[in-house]
PDB file of N, CA and C in Angstrom:
ATOM      1  N   UNK A   1     -59.368  47.853 -57.232  1.00  0.00           N
ATOM      2  CA  UNK A   1     -59.820  46.588 -57.611  1.00  0.00           C
ATOM      3  C   UNK A   1     -59.151  46.076 -58.848  1.00  0.00           C
ATOM      4  N   UNK A   2     -59.468  46.731 -59.872  1.00  0.00           N
ATOM      5  CA  UNK A   2     -58.874  46.187 -61.300  1.00  0.00           C
ATOM      6  C   UNK A   2     -57.660  47.172 -61.689  1.00  0.00           C
ATOM      7  N   UNK A   3     -56.838  46.640 -62.399  1.00  0.00           N
ATOM      8  CA  UNK A   3     -55.788  47.447 -62.995  1.00  0.00           C
ATOM      9  C   UNK A   3     -56.233  48.562 -63.976  1.00  0.00           C
ATOM     10  N   UNK A   4     -57.350  48.251 -64.803  1.00  0.00           N
ATOM     11  CA  UNK A   4     -57.875  49.349 -65.611  1.00  0.00           C
ATOM     12  C   UNK A   4     -58.752  50.191 -64.926  1.00  0.00           C
ATOM     13  N   UNK A   5     -59.235  49.726 -63.697  1.00  0.00           N
ATOM     14  CA  UNK A   5     -60.134  50.660 -62.934  1.00  0.00           C
ATOM     15  C   UNK A   5     -59.372  51.682 -62.261  1.00  0.00           C
ATOM     16  N   UNK A   6     -58.148  51.580 -62.092  1.00  0.00           N
ATOM     17  CA  UNK A   6     -57.302  52.534 -61.517  1.00  0.00           C
ATOM     18  C   UNK A   6     -57.113  53.849 -62.288  1.00  0.00           C
ATOM     19  N   UNK A   7     -57.149  55.035 -61.721  1.00  0.00           N
ATOM     20  CA  UNK A   7     -56.948  56.198 -62.492  1.00  0.00           C
ATOM     21  C   UNK A   7     -55.453  56.358 -62.904  1.00  0.00           C
ATOM     22  N   UNK A   8     -54.534  55.695 -62.135  1.00  0.00           N
ATOM     23  CA  UNK A   8     -53.090  55.788 -62.520  1.00  0.00           C
ATOM     24  C   UNK A   8     -52.684  54.726 -63.485  1.00  0.00           C
ATOM     25  N   UNK A   9     -53.692  53.904 -63.771  1.00  0.00           N
ATOM     26  CA  UNK A   9     -53.235  52.782 -64.652  1.00  0.00           C
ATOM     27  C   UNK A   9     -52.977  53.208 -66.160  1.00  0.00           C
ATOM     28  N   UNK A  10     -52.017  52.788 -66.754  1.00  0.00           N
ATOM     29  CA  UNK A  10     -51.796  53.182 -68.210  1.00  0.00           C
ATOM     30  C   UNK A  10     -52.789  52.576 -69.103  1.00  0.00           C
ATOM     31  N   UNK A  11     -53.454  51.479 -68.757  1.00  0.00           N
ATOM     32  CA  UNK A  11     -54.512  50.940 -69.715  1.00  0.00           C
ATOM     33  C   UNK A  11     -55.753  51.536 -69.315  1.00  0.00           C
ATOM     34  N   UNK A  12     -55.908  52.730 -68.721  1.00  0.00           N
ATOM     35  CA  UNK A  12     -57.160  53.362 -68.305  1.00  0.00           C
ATOM     36  C   UNK A  12     -57.869  53.558 -69.694  1.00  0.00           C
ATOM     37  N   UNK A  13     -57.159  53.923 -70.688  1.00  0.00           N
ATOM     38  CA  UNK A  13     -57.857  54.218 -72.001  1.00  0.00           C
ATOM     39  C   UNK A  13     -58.218  52.864 -72.629  1.00  0.00           C
ATOM     40  N   UNK A  14     -57.447  51.900 -72.520  1.00  0.00           N
ATOM     41  CA  UNK A  14     -57.786  50.709 -73.193  1.00  0.00           C
ATOM     42  C   UNK A  14     -58.879  49.986 -72.458  1.00  0.00           C
ATOM     43  N   UNK A  15     -59.047  50.191 -71.099  1.00  0.00           N
ATOM     44  CA  UNK A  15     -60.115  49.668 -70.430  1.00  0.00           C
ATOM     45  C   UNK A  15     -61.291  50.518 -70.444  1.00  0.00           C
ATOM     46  N   UNK A  16     -61.387  51.449 -71.219  1.00  0.00           N
ATOM     47  CA  UNK A  16     -62.565  52.510 -71.130  1.00  0.00           C
ATOM     48  C   UNK A  16     -63.822  51.828 -71.364  1.00  0.00           C
ATOM     49  N   UNK A  17     -63.961  50.567 -72.117  1.00  0.00           N
ATOM     50  CA  UNK A  17     -65.098  49.985 -72.277  1.00  0.00           C
ATOM     51  C   UNK A  17     -65.459  49.251 -71.073  1.00  0.00           C
ATOM     52  N   UNK A  18     -64.419  48.790 -70.241  1.00  0.00           N
ATOM     53  CA  UNK A  18     -64.754  48.100 -69.059  1.00  0.00           C
ATOM     54  C   UNK A  18     -64.888  49.235 -67.901  1.00  0.00           C
ATOM     55  N   UNK A  19     -64.180  50.263 -68.085  1.00  0.00           N
ATOM     56  CA  UNK A  19     -64.173  51.232 -67.033  1.00  0.00           C
ATOM     57  C   UNK A  19     -65.537  51.947 -67.024  1.00  0.00           C
ATOM     58  N   UNK A  20     -66.225  51.994 -68.096  1.00  0.00           N
ATOM     59  CA  UNK A  20     -67.527  52.556 -68.152  1.00  0.00           C
ATOM     60  C   UNK A  20     -68.641  51.762 -67.209  1.00  0.00           C
ATOM     61  N   UNK A  21     -68.250  50.509 -67.105  1.00  0.00           N
ATOM     62  CA  UNK A  21     -69.028  49.601 -66.331  1.00  0.00           C
ATOM     63  C   UNK A  21     -68.824  49.877 -64.936  1.00  0.00           C
TER      64      UNK A  21
END
């Protein structure tokens, strides 16, 4: 769905706040 929602995305850590959602 989203780039930060993907486990392979490099911004996974950066989108942690949004990833928690």
